[in-house]
C-alpha atoms as a PDB file:
ATOM      1  CA  MET A   1     161.091  58.560  -2.843  1.00  0.00           C
ATOM      2  CA  ALA A   2     157.202  58.436  -3.809  1.00  0.00           C
ATOM      3  CA  THR A   3     155.654  55.364  -5.677  1.00  0.00           C
ATOM      4  CA  PHE A   4     152.653  56.157  -7.505  1.00  0.00           C
ATOM      5  CA  ASN A   5     150.675  53.941  -9.640  1.00  0.00           C
ATOM      6  CA  ILE A   6     149.848  54.855 -13.270  1.00  0.00           C
ATOM      7  CA  ALA A   7     145.743  55.379 -12.875  1.00  0.00           C
ATOM      8  CA  ASP A   8     147.156  57.946  -9.513  1.00  0.00           C
ATOM      9  CA  ALA A   9     149.908  59.594 -11.780  1.00  0.00           C
ATOM     10  CA  LYS A  10     147.167  60.464 -13.988  1.00  0.00           C
ATOM     11  CA  THR A  11     144.913  61.787 -11.792  1.00  0.00           C
ATOM     12  CA  HIS A  12     147.183  63.456  -9.693  1.00  0.00           C
ATOM     13  CA  LEU A  13     149.812  64.760 -12.634  1.00  0.00           C
ATOM     14  CA  SER A  14     149.927  68.586 -11.493  1.00  0.00           C
ATOM     15  CA  ALA A  15     150.572  67.839  -8.205  1.00  0.00           C
ATOM     16  CA  LEU A  16     153.358  65.241  -8.619  1.00  0.00           C
ATOM     17  CA  ILE A  17     155.196  67.499 -11.521  1.00  0.00           C
ATOM     18  CA  GLN A  18     155.534  70.208  -8.504  1.00  0.00           C
ATOM     19  CA  ARG A  19     156.712  67.476  -6.364  1.00  0.00           C
ATOM     20  CA  ALA A  20     159.363  66.417  -8.942  1.00  0.00           C
ATOM     21  CA  LEU A  21     160.030  70.630  -9.249  1.00  0.00           C
ATOM     22  CA  LEU A  22     160.961  70.634  -5.730  1.00  0.00           C
ATOM     23  CA  GLY A  23     163.499  68.138  -5.708  1.00  0.00           C
ATOM     24  CA  GLU A  24     161.312  64.963  -5.042  1.00  0.00           C
ATOM     25  CA  GLU A  25     162.061  61.881  -6.620  1.00  0.00           C
ATOM     26  CA  VAL A  26     158.950  61.070  -8.178  1.00  0.00           C
ATOM     27  CA  ILE A  27     158.587  56.803  -9.331  1.00  0.00           C
ATOM     28  CA  ILE A  28     155.456  55.476 -11.159  1.00  0.00           C
ATOM     29  CA  ALA A  29     154.891  51.835 -11.127  1.00  0.00           C
ATOM     30  CA  ARG A  30     152.609  49.806 -13.397  1.00  0.00           C
ATOM     31  CA  ASP A  31     151.444  46.370 -11.601  1.00  0.00           C
ATOM     32  CA  ASN A  32     153.772  47.691  -8.417  1.00  0.00           C
ATOM     33  CA  LYS A  33     157.202  47.656 -10.711  1.00  0.00           C
ATOM     34  CA  PRO A  34     158.421  50.904 -11.295  1.00  0.00           C
ATOM     35  CA  VAL A  35     158.748  51.776 -14.740  1.00  0.00           C
ATOM     36  CA  LEU A  36     159.823  55.132 -14.731  1.00  0.00           C
ATOM     37  CA  ARG A  37     161.074  58.465 -12.561  1.00  0.00           C
ATOM     38  CA  LEU A  38     159.378  61.858 -12.856  1.00  0.00           C
ATOM     39  CA  VAL A  39     162.387  64.134 -12.721  1.00  0.00           C
ATOM     40  CA  PRO A  40     163.178  68.089 -13.912  1.00  0.00           C
ATOM     41  CA  LEU A  41     164.823  68.630 -17.029  1.00  0.00           C
ATOM     42  CA  LYS A  42     168.323  70.725 -16.427  1.00  0.00           C
ATOM     43  CA  GLU A  43     168.304  73.666 -18.879  1.00  0.00           C
ATOM     44  CA  THR A  44     172.044  73.159 -20.375  1.00  0.00           C
ATOM     45  CA  ARG A  45     172.160  75.329 -23.066  1.00  0.00           C
ATOM     46  CA  GLN A  46     173.777  78.849 -22.990  1.00  0.00           C
ATOM     47  CA  PRO A  47     171.417  81.928 -23.278  1.00  0.00           C
ATOM     48  CA  ARG A  48     171.734  82.833 -27.028  1.00  0.00           C
ATOM     49  CA  GLN A  49     174.449  85.707 -27.981  1.00  0.00           C
ATOM     50  CA  PRO A  50     173.134  87.609 -30.627  1.00  0.00           C
ATOM     51  CA  GLY A  51     175.564  88.307 -33.685  1.00  0.00           C
ATOM     52  CA  SER A  52     178.038  85.234 -31.980  1.00  0.00           C
ATOM     53  CA  ALA A  53     178.431  83.839 -35.607  1.00  0.00           C
ATOM     54  CA  ARG A  54     179.663  86.786 -37.061  1.00  0.00           C
ATOM     55  CA  GLY A  55     182.162  86.112 -39.938  1.00  0.00           C
ATOM     56  CA  GLU A  56     181.128  82.682 -40.140  1.00  0.00           C
ATOM     57  CA  VAL A  57     178.357  83.317 -42.555  1.00  0.00           C
ATOM     58  CA  TRP A  58     178.354  84.012 -46.042  1.00  0.00           C
ATOM     59  CA  LEU A  59     176.055  84.926 -49.161  1.00  0.00           C
ATOM     60  CA  ALA A  60     176.769  84.903 -52.795  1.00  0.00           C
ATOM     61  CA  PRO A  61     176.722  88.586 -53.906  1.00  0.00           C
ATOM     62  CA  ASP A  62     173.456  87.513 -56.362  1.00  0.00           C
ATOM     63  CA  PHE A  63     171.473  85.995 -53.661  1.00  0.00           C
ATOM     64  CA  GLU A  64     168.666  88.251 -53.494  1.00  0.00           C
ATOM     65  CA  ASP A  65     168.473  88.180 -57.559  1.00  0.00           C
ATOM     66  CA  THR A  66     165.554  86.292 -58.670  1.00  0.00           C
ATOM     67  CA  LEU A  67     166.327  83.295 -60.570  1.00  0.00           C
ATOM     68  CA  GLU A  68     165.754  83.449 -64.263  1.00  0.00           C
ATOM     69  CA  ASP A  69     163.143  80.166 -64.309  1.00  0.00           C
ATOM     70  CA  PHE A  70     161.165  82.908 -61.925  1.00  0.00           C
ATOM     71  CA  GLU A  71     161.580  86.080 -63.637  1.00  0.00           C
ATOM     72  CA  GLU A  72     158.065  86.129 -65.070  1.00  0.00           C
ATOM     73  CA  TYR A  73     156.862  85.963 -61.221  1.00  0.00           C
ATOM     74  CA  ARG A  74     157.892  89.322 -60.427  1.00  0.00           C
END
């Protein structure tokens, strides 16, 4: 576990991010008290599946028709 004060973290942010991405626990402290831990995000979403909502979406038959109030803008 590596601990850095805020000034050092600002100066070496790219290096600290790389260390966190490699699995090292990086702690950032203020006044020698830990305030946060820098950790990589975990990908929790599944890849998008095209067509997965097929049959669940309904559009009215007149969906693309111009509204009466907007006829003059056509």
